[in-house]
Amino acid sequence: MVEKMYVVYGRMELFLPYCRSLKDKRKIINSIADRIRKRFNISILEVDYHDLWQRTALGFAAAASREREADFLASIVRETAENADASLEITGFMVEVIPYGR
């Protein structure tokens, strides 16, 4: 029998105004993803705009035992991105928390 858990997933779109190449972009994206993965058990990857230098979309997902924990994980993703680079701008952030189980 499955106990109740929560699945949190979302999408974050970023504008990177000072990136001059895909290499610059990858450096910032990898920094954000590595920090999130190391501190918390959250899956994150680039899901769109792979060929654009100054724009990206990151998808993320995690499971939590409580709704409050799921909300916290979503806020950590946003805060980590905001603190990664002063010039970075979050242009979109969508998150959903879904209860699963009984």
PDB file of N, CA and C in Angstrom:
ATOM      1  N   MET A   1       0.840  -1.169   0.000  1.00  0.00           N
ATOM      2  CA  MET A   1       0.000   0.000   0.000  1.00  0.00           C
ATOM      3  C   MET A   1       0.893   1.243   0.000  1.00  0.00           C
ATOM      4  N   VAL A   2       0.547   2.210  -0.825  1.00  0.00           N
ATOM      5  CA  VAL A   2       1.326   3.434  -0.952  1.00  0.00           C
ATOM      6  C   VAL A   2       0.826   4.470   0.040  1.00  0.00           C
ATOM      7  N   GLU A   3       1.732   4.967   0.866  1.00  0.00           N
ATOM      8  CA  GLU A   3       1.400   6.074   1.753  1.00  0.00           C
ATOM      9  C   GLU A   3       1.314   7.340   0.913  1.00  0.00           C
ATOM     10  N   LYS A   4       0.700   8.358   1.452  1.00  0.00           N
ATOM     11  CA  LYS A   4       0.568   9.603   0.703  1.00  0.00           C
ATOM     12  C   LYS A   4       1.940  10.263   0.536  1.00  0.00           C
ATOM     13  N   MET A   5       2.193  10.706  -0.675  1.00  0.00           N
ATOM     14  CA  MET A   5       3.392  11.481  -0.972  1.00  0.00           C
ATOM     15  C   MET A   5       2.991  12.579  -1.940  1.00  0.00           C
ATOM     16  N   TYR A   6       3.926  13.468  -2.211  1.00  0.00           N
ATOM     17  CA  TYR A   6       3.661  14.585  -3.101  1.00  0.00           C
ATOM     18  C   TYR A   6       4.732  14.634  -4.175  1.00  0.00           C
ATOM     19  N   VAL A   7       4.286  14.911  -5.389  1.00  0.00           N
ATOM     20  CA  VAL A   7       5.200  15.070  -6.512  1.00  0.00           C
ATOM     21  C   VAL A   7       5.182  16.553  -6.866  1.00  0.00           C
ATOM     22  N   VAL A   8       6.357  17.138  -6.940  1.00  0.00           N
ATOM     23  CA  VAL A   8       6.484  18.537  -7.334  1.00  0.00           C
ATOM     24  C   VAL A   8       7.246  18.568  -8.649  1.00  0.00           C
ATOM     25  N   TYR A   9       6.718  19.315  -9.610  1.00  0.00           N
ATOM     26  CA  TYR A   9       7.412  19.453 -10.888  1.00  0.00           C
ATOM     27  C   TYR A   9       7.150  20.848 -11.438  1.00  0.00           C
ATOM     28  N   GLY A  10       8.025  21.266 -12.327  1.00  0.00           N
ATOM     29  CA  GLY A  10       7.831  22.596 -12.878  1.00  0.00           C
ATOM     30  C   GLY A  10       8.777  22.917 -14.008  1.00  0.00           C
ATOM     31  N   ARG A  11       8.664  24.148 -14.450  1.00  0.00           N
ATOM     32  CA  ARG A  11       9.457  24.667 -15.567  1.00  0.00           C
ATOM     33  C   ARG A  11       9.838  26.102 -15.227  1.00  0.00           C
ATOM     34  N   MET A  12      11.093  26.418 -15.498  1.00  0.00           N
ATOM     35  CA  MET A  12      11.605  27.754 -15.240  1.00  0.00           C
ATOM     36  C   MET A  12      12.288  28.249 -16.506  1.00  0.00           C
ATOM     37  N   GLU A  13      11.894  29.435 -16.968  1.00  0.00           N
ATOM     38  CA  GLU A  13      12.518  30.023 -18.150  1.00  0.00           C
ATOM     39  C   GLU A  13      13.440  31.145 -17.702  1.00  0.00           C
ATOM     40  N   LEU A  14      14.633  31.174 -18.294  1.00  0.00           N
ATOM     41  CA  LEU A  14      15.654  32.134 -17.900  1.00  0.00           C
ATOM     42  C   LEU A  14      16.146  32.934 -19.098  1.00  0.00           C
ATOM     43  N   PHE A  15      16.458  34.188 -18.846  1.00  0.00           N
ATOM     44  CA  PHE A  15      17.116  35.053 -19.824  1.00  0.00           C
ATOM     45  C   PHE A  15      18.518  35.329 -19.299  1.00  0.00           C
ATOM     46  N   LEU A  16      19.515  35.062 -20.120  1.00  0.00           N
ATOM     47  CA  LEU A  16      20.922  35.201 -19.752  1.00  0.00           C
ATOM     48  C   LEU A  16      21.546  36.272 -20.659  1.00  0.00           C
ATOM     49  N   PRO A  17      21.404  37.555 -20.314  1.00  0.00           N
ATOM     50  CA  PRO A  17      21.753  38.635 -21.241  1.00  0.00           C
ATOM     51  C   PRO A  17      23.233  38.737 -21.608  1.00  0.00           C
ATOM     52  N   TYR A  18      24.130  38.250 -20.774  1.00  0.00           N
ATOM     53  CA  TYR A  18      25.556  38.427 -21.052  1.00  0.00           C
ATOM     54  C   TYR A  18      26.238  37.185 -21.611  1.00  0.00           C
ATOM     55  N   CYS A  19      25.487  36.164 -21.923  1.00  0.00           N
ATOM     56  CA  CYS A  19      26.075  34.981 -22.559  1.00  0.00           C
ATOM     57  C   CYS A  19      26.413  35.311 -24.007  1.00  0.00           C
ATOM     58  N   ARG A  20      27.629  34.986 -24.399  1.00  0.00           N
ATOM     59  CA  ARG A  20      28.085  35.264 -25.761  1.00  0.00           C
ATOM     60  C   ARG A  20      28.261  34.000 -26.588  1.00  0.00           C
ATOM     61  N   SER A  21      28.028  32.848 -25.948  1.00  0.00           N
ATOM     62  CA  SER A  21      28.181  31.582 -26.659  1.00  0.00           C
ATOM     63  C   SER A  21      27.407  30.501 -25.915  1.00  0.00           C
ATOM     64  N   LEU A  22      27.234  29.365 -26.578  1.00  0.00           N
ATOM     65  CA  LEU A  22      26.594  28.225 -25.917  1.00  0.00           C
ATOM     66  C   LEU A  22      27.453  27.732 -24.755  1.00  0.00           C
ATOM     67  N   LYS A  23      28.762  27.900 -24.862  1.00  0.00           N
ATOM     68  CA  LYS A  23      29.670  27.498 -23.784  1.00  0.00           C
ATOM     69  C   LYS A  23      29.406  28.334 -22.521  1.00  0.00           C
ATOM     70  N   ASP A  24      29.217  29.629 -22.668  1.00  0.00           N
ATOM     71  CA  ASP A  24      28.866  30.492 -21.529  1.00  0.00           C
ATOM     72  C   ASP A  24      27.546  30.045 -20.899  1.00  0.00           C
ATOM     73  N   LYS A  25      26.581  29.768 -21.758  1.00  0.00           N
ATOM     74  CA  LYS A  25      25.258  29.346 -21.292  1.00  0.00           C
ATOM     75  C   LYS A  25      25.351  28.035 -20.512  1.00  0.00           C
ATOM     76  N   ARG A  26      26.066  27.058 -21.050  1.00  0.00           N
ATOM     77  CA  ARG A  26      26.201  25.755 -20.391  1.00  0.00           C
ATOM     78  C   ARG A  26      26.865  25.886 -19.014  1.00  0.00           C
ATOM     79  N   LYS A  27      27.820  26.795 -18.907  1.00  0.00           N
ATOM     80  CA  LYS A  27      28.508  27.007 -17.637  1.00  0.00           C
ATOM     81  C   LYS A  27      27.515  27.446 -16.556  1.00  0.00           C
ATOM     82  N   ILE A  28      26.639  28.374 -16.891  1.00  0.00           N
ATOM     83  CA  ILE A  28      25.639  28.851 -15.930  1.00  0.00           C
ATOM     84  C   ILE A  28      24.611  27.769 -15.627  1.00  0.00           C
ATOM     85  N   ILE A  29      24.105  27.098 -16.657  1.00  0.00           N
ATOM     86  CA  ILE A  29      23.107  26.045 -16.457  1.00  0.00           C
ATOM     87  C   ILE A  29      23.670  24.912 -15.606  1.00  0.00           C
ATOM     88  N   ASN A  30      24.879  24.475 -15.909  1.00  0.00           N
ATOM     89  CA  ASN A  30      25.493  23.399 -15.133  1.00  0.00           C
ATOM     90  C   ASN A  30      25.726  23.806 -13.692  1.00  0.00           C
ATOM     91  N   SER A  31      26.084  25.048 -13.459  1.00  0.00           N
ATOM     92  CA  SER A  31      26.280  25.541 -12.099  1.00  0.00           C
ATOM     93  C   SER A  31      24.977  25.471 -11.300  1.00  0.00           C
ATOM     94  N   ILE A  32      23.892  25.942 -11.904  1.00  0.00           N
ATOM     95  CA  ILE A  32      22.585  25.909 -11.242  1.00  0.00           C
ATOM     96  C   ILE A  32      22.169  24.467 -10.964  1.00  0.00           C
ATOM     97  N   ALA A  33      22.226  23.621 -11.984  1.00  0.00           N
ATOM     98  CA  ALA A  33      21.789  22.223 -11.847  1.00  0.00           C
ATOM     99  C   ALA A  33      22.639  21.480 -10.821  1.00  0.00           C
ATOM    100  N   ASP A  34      23.950  21.679 -10.834  1.00  0.00           N
ATOM    101  CA  ASP A  34      24.824  20.990  -9.881  1.00  0.00           C
ATOM    102  C   ASP A  34      24.521  21.391  -8.447  1.00  0.00           C
ATOM    103  N   ARG A  35      24.303  22.685  -8.212  1.00  0.00           N
ATOM    104  CA  ARG A  35      23.970  23.144  -6.851  1.00  0.00           C
ATOM    105  C   ARG A  35      22.669  22.526  -6.358  1.00  0.00           C
ATOM    106  N   ILE A  36      21.669  22.483  -7.219  1.00  0.00           N
ATOM    107  CA  ILE A  36      20.367  21.931  -6.824  1.00  0.00           C
ATOM    108  C   ILE A  36      20.480  20.432  -6.563  1.00  0.00           C
ATOM    109  N   ARG A  37      21.165  19.712  -7.441  1.00  0.00           N
ATOM    110  CA  ARG A  37      21.306  18.256  -7.287  1.00  0.00           C
ATOM    111  C   ARG A  37      22.109  17.889  -6.037  1.00  0.00           C
ATOM    112  N   LYS A  38      23.143  18.655  -5.744  1.00  0.00           N
ATOM    113  CA  LYS A  38      24.006  18.334  -4.603  1.00  0.00           C
ATOM    114  C   LYS A  38      23.328  18.595  -3.268  1.00  0.00           C
ATOM    115  N   ARG A  39      22.546  19.660  -3.193  1.00  0.00           N
ATOM    116  CA  ARG A  39      21.917  20.019  -1.922  1.00  0.00           C
ATOM    117  C   ARG A  39      20.614  19.272  -1.661  1.00  0.00           C
ATOM    118  N   PHE A  40      19.876  18.959  -2.718  1.00  0.00           N
ATOM    119  CA  PHE A  40      18.555  18.345  -2.577  1.00  0.00           C
ATOM    120  C   PHE A  40      18.378  17.278  -3.644  1.00  0.00           C
ATOM    121  N   ASN A  41      17.502  16.365  -3.411  1.00  0.00           N
ATOM    122  CA  ASN A  41      17.259  15.279  -4.363  1.00  0.00           C
ATOM    123  C   ASN A  41      16.217  15.729  -5.388  1.00  0.00           C
ATOM    124  N   ILE A  42      16.639  16.627  -6.271  1.00  0.00           N
ATOM    125  CA  ILE A  42      15.762  17.192  -7.288  1.00  0.00           C
ATOM    126  C   ILE A  42      16.371  16.905  -8.656  1.00  0.00           C
ATOM    127  N   SER A  43      15.575  16.395  -9.561  1.00  0.00           N
ATOM    128  CA  SER A  43      16.026  16.190 -10.942  1.00  0.00           C
ATOM    129  C   SER A  43      15.807  17.476 -11.711  1.00  0.00           C
ATOM    130  N   ILE A  44      16.812  17.903 -12.474  1.00  0.00           N
ATOM    131  CA  ILE A  44      16.704  19.148 -13.238  1.00  0.00           C
ATOM    132  C   ILE A  44      17.512  19.038 -14.515  1.00  0.00           C
ATOM    133  N   LEU A  45      16.963  19.565 -15.609  1.00  0.00           N
ATOM    134  CA  LEU A  45      17.669  19.547 -16.881  1.00  0.00           C
ATOM    135  C   LEU A  45      17.114  20.613 -17.810  1.00  0.00           C
ATOM    136  N   GLU A  46      17.901  20.949 -18.829  1.00  0.00           N
ATOM    137  CA  GLU A  46      17.458  21.908 -19.838  1.00  0.00           C
ATOM    138  C   GLU A  46      16.446  21.206 -20.743  1.00  0.00           C
ATOM    139  N   VAL A  47      15.283  21.842 -20.932  1.00  0.00           N
ATOM    140  CA  VAL A  47      14.220  21.209 -21.714  1.00  0.00           C
ATOM    141  C   VAL A  47      13.843  21.965 -22.987  1.00  0.00           C
ATOM    142  N   ASP A  48      14.378  23.172 -23.160  1.00  0.00           N
ATOM    143  CA  ASP A  48      14.011  23.938 -24.350  1.00  0.00           C
ATOM    144  C   ASP A  48      15.066  24.999 -24.627  1.00  0.00           C
ATOM    145  N   TYR A  49      15.026  25.552 -25.840  1.00  0.00           N
ATOM    146  CA  TYR A  49      15.922  26.618 -26.296  1.00  0.00           C
ATOM    147  C   TYR A  49      17.395  26.181 -26.289  1.00  0.00           C
ATOM    148  N   HIS A  50      17.655  24.963 -26.659  1.00  0.00           N
ATOM    149  CA  HIS A  50      19.014  24.411 -26.644  1.00  0.00           C
ATOM    150  C   HIS A  50      19.987  25.169 -27.544  1.00  0.00           C
ATOM    151  N   ASP A  51      19.491  25.738 -28.612  1.00  0.00           N
ATOM    152  CA  ASP A  51      20.385  26.377 -29.584  1.00  0.00           C
ATOM    153  C   ASP A  51      20.462  27.897 -29.437  1.00  0.00           C
ATOM    154  N   LEU A  52      19.799  28.463 -28.432  1.00  0.00           N
ATOM    155  CA  LEU A  52      19.850  29.911 -28.207  1.00  0.00           C
ATOM    156  C   LEU A  52      20.857  30.235 -27.103  1.00  0.00           C
ATOM    157  N   TRP A  53      21.654  31.244 -27.287  1.00  0.00           N
ATOM    158  CA  TRP A  53      22.704  31.592 -26.327  1.00  0.00           C
ATOM    159  C   TRP A  53      22.166  32.214 -25.052  1.00  0.00           C
ATOM    160  N   GLN A  54      21.147  33.042 -25.176  1.00  0.00           N
ATOM    161  CA  GLN A  54      20.725  33.859 -24.038  1.00  0.00           C
ATOM    162  C   GLN A  54      19.378  33.453 -23.439  1.00  0.00           C
ATOM    163  N   ARG A  55      18.903  32.315 -23.805  1.00  0.00           N
ATOM    164  CA  ARG A  55      17.600  31.873 -23.302  1.00  0.00           C
ATOM    165  C   ARG A  55      17.649  30.381 -23.022  1.00  0.00           C
ATOM    166  N   THR A  56      16.970  29.971 -21.946  1.00  0.00           N
ATOM    167  CA  THR A  56      16.878  28.549 -21.637  1.00  0.00           C
ATOM    168  C   THR A  56      15.611  28.270 -20.847  1.00  0.00           C
ATOM    169  N   ALA A  57      15.223  27.015 -20.837  1.00  0.00           N
ATOM    170  CA  ALA A  57      14.122  26.556 -19.996  1.00  0.00           C
ATOM    171  C   ALA A  57      14.611  25.307 -19.279  1.00  0.00           C
ATOM    172  N   LEU A  58      14.418  25.289 -17.977  1.00  0.00           N
ATOM    173  CA  LEU A  58      14.823  24.149 -17.159  1.00  0.00           C
ATOM    174  C   LEU A  58      13.578  23.479 -16.602  1.00  0.00           C
ATOM    175  N   GLY A  59      13.534  22.161 -16.682  1.00  0.00           N
ATOM    176  CA  GLY A  59      12.458  21.388 -16.082  1.00  0.00           C
ATOM    177  C   GLY A  59      12.997  20.728 -14.830  1.00  0.00           C
ATOM    178  N   PHE A  60      12.143  20.583 -13.817  1.00  0.00           N
ATOM    179  CA  PHE A  60      12.581  19.950 -12.576  1.00  0.00           C
ATOM    180  C   PHE A  60      11.452  19.115 -11.975  1.00  0.00           C
ATOM    181  N   ALA A  61      11.849  18.122 -11.179  1.00  0.00           N
ATOM    182  CA  ALA A  61      10.868  17.241 -10.533  1.00  0.00           C
ATOM    183  C   ALA A  61      11.479  16.629  -9.287  1.00  0.00           C
ATOM    184  N   ALA A  62      10.610  16.361  -8.299  1.00  0.00           N
ATOM    185  CA  ALA A  62      11.047  15.726  -7.052  1.00  0.00           C
ATOM    186  C   ALA A  62       9.835  15.115  -6.357  1.00  0.00           C
ATOM    187  N   ALA A  63      10.112  14.260  -5.405  1.00  0.00           N
ATOM    188  CA  ALA A  63       9.061  13.667  -4.574  1.00  0.00           C
ATOM    189  C   ALA A  63       9.310  14.083  -3.130  1.00  0.00           C
ATOM    190  N   ALA A  64       8.214  14.274  -2.382  1.00  0.00           N
ATOM    191  CA  ALA A  64       8.313  14.694  -0.990  1.00  0.00           C
ATOM    192  C   ALA A  64       7.270  13.959  -0.158  1.00  0.00           C
ATOM    193  N   SER A  65       7.540  13.828   1.121  1.00  0.00           N
ATOM    194  CA  SER A  65       6.603  13.121   1.993  1.00  0.00           C
ATOM    195  C   SER A  65       5.495  14.028   2.524  1.00  0.00           C
ATOM    196  N   ARG A  66       5.718  15.350   2.471  1.00  0.00           N
ATOM    197  CA  ARG A  66       4.708  16.305   2.937  1.00  0.00           C
ATOM    198  C   ARG A  66       4.556  17.428   1.920  1.00  0.00           C
ATOM    199  N   GLU A  67       3.383  18.023   1.874  1.00  0.00           N
ATOM    200  CA  GLU A  67       3.133  19.116   0.928  1.00  0.00           C
ATOM    201  C   GLU A  67       4.035  20.307   1.218  1.00  0.00           C
ATOM    202  N   ARG A  68       4.250  20.598   2.478  1.00  0.00           N
ATOM    203  CA  ARG A  68       5.111  21.721   2.859  1.00  0.00           C
ATOM    204  C   ARG A  68       6.539  21.516   2.341  1.00  0.00           C
ATOM    205  N   GLU A  69       7.010  20.277   2.403  1.00  0.00           N
ATOM    206  CA  GLU A  69       8.343  19.946   1.880  1.00  0.00           C
ATOM    207  C   GLU A  69       8.396  20.125   0.364  1.00  0.00           C
ATOM    208  N   ALA A  70       7.331  19.756  -0.329  1.00  0.00           N
ATOM    209  CA  ALA A  70       7.265  19.925  -1.786  1.00  0.00           C
ATOM    210  C   ALA A  70       7.315  21.404  -2.158  1.00  0.00           C
ATOM    211  N   ASP A  71       6.583  22.238  -1.427  1.00  0.00           N
ATOM    212  CA  ASP A  71       6.613  23.680  -1.666  1.00  0.00           C
ATOM    213  C   ASP A  71       8.014  24.237  -1.413  1.00  0.00           C
ATOM    214  N   PHE A  72       8.676  23.739  -0.378  1.00  0.00           N
ATOM    215  CA  PHE A  72      10.032  24.166  -0.049  1.00  0.00           C
ATOM    216  C   PHE A  72      10.998  23.818  -1.185  1.00  0.00           C
ATOM    217  N   LEU A  73      10.873  22.620  -1.741  1.00  0.00           N
ATOM    218  CA  LEU A  73      11.745  22.203  -2.840  1.00  0.00           C
ATOM    219  C   LEU A  73      11.579  23.118  -4.051  1.00  0.00           C
ATOM    220  N   ALA A  74      10.347  23.496  -4.355  1.00  0.00           N
ATOM    221  CA  ALA A  74      10.100  24.408  -5.477  1.00  0.00           C
ATOM    222  C   ALA A  74      10.740  25.771  -5.218  1.00  0.00           C
ATOM    223  N   SER A  75      10.643  26.256  -3.986  1.00  0.00           N
ATOM    224  CA  SER A  75      11.240  27.559  -3.675  1.00  0.00           C
ATOM    225  C   SER A  75      12.761  27.500  -3.733  1.00  0.00           C
ATOM    226  N   ILE A  76      13.348  26.353  -3.385  1.00  0.00           N
ATOM    227  CA  ILE A  76      14.802  26.187  -3.449  1.00  0.00           C
ATOM    228  C   ILE A  76      15.286  26.282  -4.897  1.00  0.00           C
ATOM    229  N   VAL A  77      14.546  25.693  -5.819  1.00  0.00           N
ATOM    230  CA  VAL A  77      14.919  25.759  -7.235  1.00  0.00           C
ATOM    231  C   VAL A  77      14.966  27.218  -7.682  1.00  0.00           C
ATOM    232  N   ARG A  78      13.930  27.957  -7.354  1.00  0.00           N
ATOM    233  CA  ARG A  78      13.869  29.370  -7.762  1.00  0.00           C
ATOM    234  C   ARG A  78      14.983  30.189  -7.110  1.00  0.00           C
ATOM    235  N   GLU A  79      15.176  30.037  -5.808  1.00  0.00           N
ATOM    236  CA  GLU A  79      16.203  30.797  -5.087  1.00  0.00           C
ATOM    237  C   GLU A  79      17.608  30.481  -5.604  1.00  0.00           C
ATOM    238  N   THR A  80      17.868  29.227  -5.898  1.00  0.00           N
ATOM    239  CA  THR A  80      19.184  28.844  -6.405  1.00  0.00           C
ATOM    240  C   THR A  80      19.456  29.508  -7.748  1.00  0.00           C
ATOM    241  N   ALA A  81      18.461  29.548  -8.613  1.00  0.00           N
ATOM    242  CA  ALA A  81      18.621  30.206  -9.915  1.00  0.00           C
ATOM    243  C   ALA A  81      18.823  31.709  -9.736  1.00  0.00           C
ATOM    244  N   GLU A  82      18.035  32.323  -8.863  1.00  0.00           N
ATOM    245  CA  GLU A  82      18.157  33.766  -8.637  1.00  0.00           C
ATOM    246  C   GLU A  82      19.542  34.149  -8.115  1.00  0.00           C
ATOM    247  N   ASN A  83      20.131  33.288  -7.297  1.00  0.00           N
ATOM    248  CA  ASN A  83      21.429  33.577  -6.690  1.00  0.00           C
ATOM    249  C   ASN A  83      22.615  33.107  -7.528  1.00  0.00           C
ATOM    250  N   ALA A  84      22.363  32.447  -8.630  1.00  0.00           N
ATOM    251  CA  ALA A  84      23.441  31.879  -9.441  1.00  0.00           C
ATOM    252  C   ALA A  84      24.230  32.943 -10.194  1.00  0.00           C
ATOM    253  N   ASP A  85      23.552  33.939 -10.695  1.00  0.00           N
ATOM    254  CA  ASP A  85      24.202  34.957 -11.523  1.00  0.00           C
ATOM    255  C   ASP A  85      23.385  36.235 -11.407  1.00  0.00           C
ATOM    256  N   ALA A  86      24.046  37.340 -11.094  1.00  0.00           N
ATOM    257  CA  ALA A  86      23.338  38.610 -10.875  1.00  0.00           C
ATOM    258  C   ALA A  86      22.602  39.104 -12.117  1.00  0.00           C
ATOM    259  N   SER A  87      23.109  38.770 -13.299  1.00  0.00           N
ATOM    260  CA  SER A  87      22.489  39.266 -14.529  1.00  0.00           C
ATOM    261  C   SER A  87      21.351  38.383 -15.023  1.00  0.00           C
ATOM    262  N   LEU A  88      21.221  37.196 -14.468  1.00  0.00           N
ATOM    263  CA  LEU A  88      20.200  36.246 -14.886  1.00  0.00           C
ATOM    264  C   LEU A  88      18.803  36.776 -14.536  1.00  0.00           C
ATOM    265  N   GLU A  89      17.853  36.590 -15.430  1.00  0.00           N
ATOM    266  CA  GLU A  89      16.477  37.017 -15.190  1.00  0.00           C
ATOM    267  C   GLU A  89      15.537  35.826 -15.369  1.00  0.00           C
ATOM    268  N   ILE A  90      14.713  35.571 -14.378  1.00  0.00           N
ATOM    269  CA  ILE A  90      13.702  34.518 -14.481  1.00  0.00           C
ATOM    270  C   ILE A  90      12.494  35.125 -15.194  1.00  0.00           C
ATOM    271  N   THR A  91      12.215  34.635 -16.393  1.00  0.00           N
ATOM    272  CA  THR A  91      11.114  35.187 -17.186  1.00  0.00           C
ATOM    273  C   THR A  91       9.830  34.377 -17.046  1.00  0.00           C
ATOM    274  N   GLY A  92       9.938  33.191 -16.487  1.00  0.00           N
ATOM    275  CA  GLY A  92       8.767  32.359 -16.263  1.00  0.00           C
ATOM    276  C   GLY A  92       9.064  31.294 -15.233  1.00  0.00           C
ATOM    277  N   PHE A  93       8.097  31.037 -14.361  1.00  0.00           N
ATOM    278  CA  PHE A  93       8.272  29.993 -13.354  1.00  0.00           C
ATOM    279  C   PHE A  93       6.914  29.369 -13.084  1.00  0.00           C
ATOM    280  N   MET A  94       6.781  28.097 -13.424  1.00  0.00           N
ATOM    281  CA  MET A  94       5.546  27.362 -13.215  1.00  0.00           C
ATOM    282  C   MET A  94       5.868  26.151 -12.363  1.00  0.00           C
ATOM    283  N   VAL A  95       5.078  25.926 -11.342  1.00  0.00           N
ATOM    284  CA  VAL A  95       5.283  24.761 -10.487  1.00  0.00           C
ATOM    285  C   VAL A  95       3.926  24.166 -10.112  1.00  0.00           C
ATOM    286  N   GLU A  96       3.905  22.858  -9.966  1.00  0.00           N
ATOM    287  CA  GLU A  96       2.683  22.171  -9.552  1.00  0.00           C
ATOM    288  C   GLU A  96       3.046  21.101  -8.540  1.00  0.00           C
ATOM    289  N   VAL A  97       2.232  20.984  -7.510  1.00  0.00           N
ATOM    290  CA  VAL A  97       2.405  19.952  -6.489  1.00  0.00           C
ATOM    291  C   VAL A  97       1.183  19.046  -6.562  1.00  0.00           C
ATOM    292  N   ILE A  98       1.431  17.753  -6.744  1.00  0.00           N
ATOM    293  CA  ILE A  98       0.349  16.786  -6.908  1.00  0.00           C
ATOM    294  C   ILE A  98       0.406  15.753  -5.791  1.00  0.00           C
ATOM    295  N   PRO A  99      -0.690  15.568  -5.050  1.00  0.00           N
ATOM    296  CA  PRO A  99      -0.704  14.498  -4.045  1.00  0.00           C
ATOM    297  C   PRO A  99      -0.839  13.134  -4.731  1.00  0.00           C
ATOM    298  N   TYR A 100      -0.175  12.137  -4.167  1.00  0.00           N
ATOM    299  CA  TYR A 100      -0.211  10.800  -4.724  1.00  0.00           C
ATOM    300  C   TYR A 100      -0.387   9.804  -3.578  1.00  0.00           C
ATOM    301  N   GLY A 101      -1.246   8.847  -3.742  1.00  0.00           N
ATOM    302  CA  GLY A 101      -1.464   7.830  -2.712  1.00  0.00           C
ATOM    303  C   GLY A 101      -2.757   8.076  -1.955  1.00  0.00           C
ATOM    304  N   ARG A 102      -2.864   7.420  -0.834  1.00  0.00           N
ATOM    305  CA  ARG A 102      -4.125   7.533  -0.092  1.00  0.00           C
ATOM    306  C   ARG A 102      -4.165   8.693   0.823  1.00  0.00           C
TER     307      ARG A 102
END
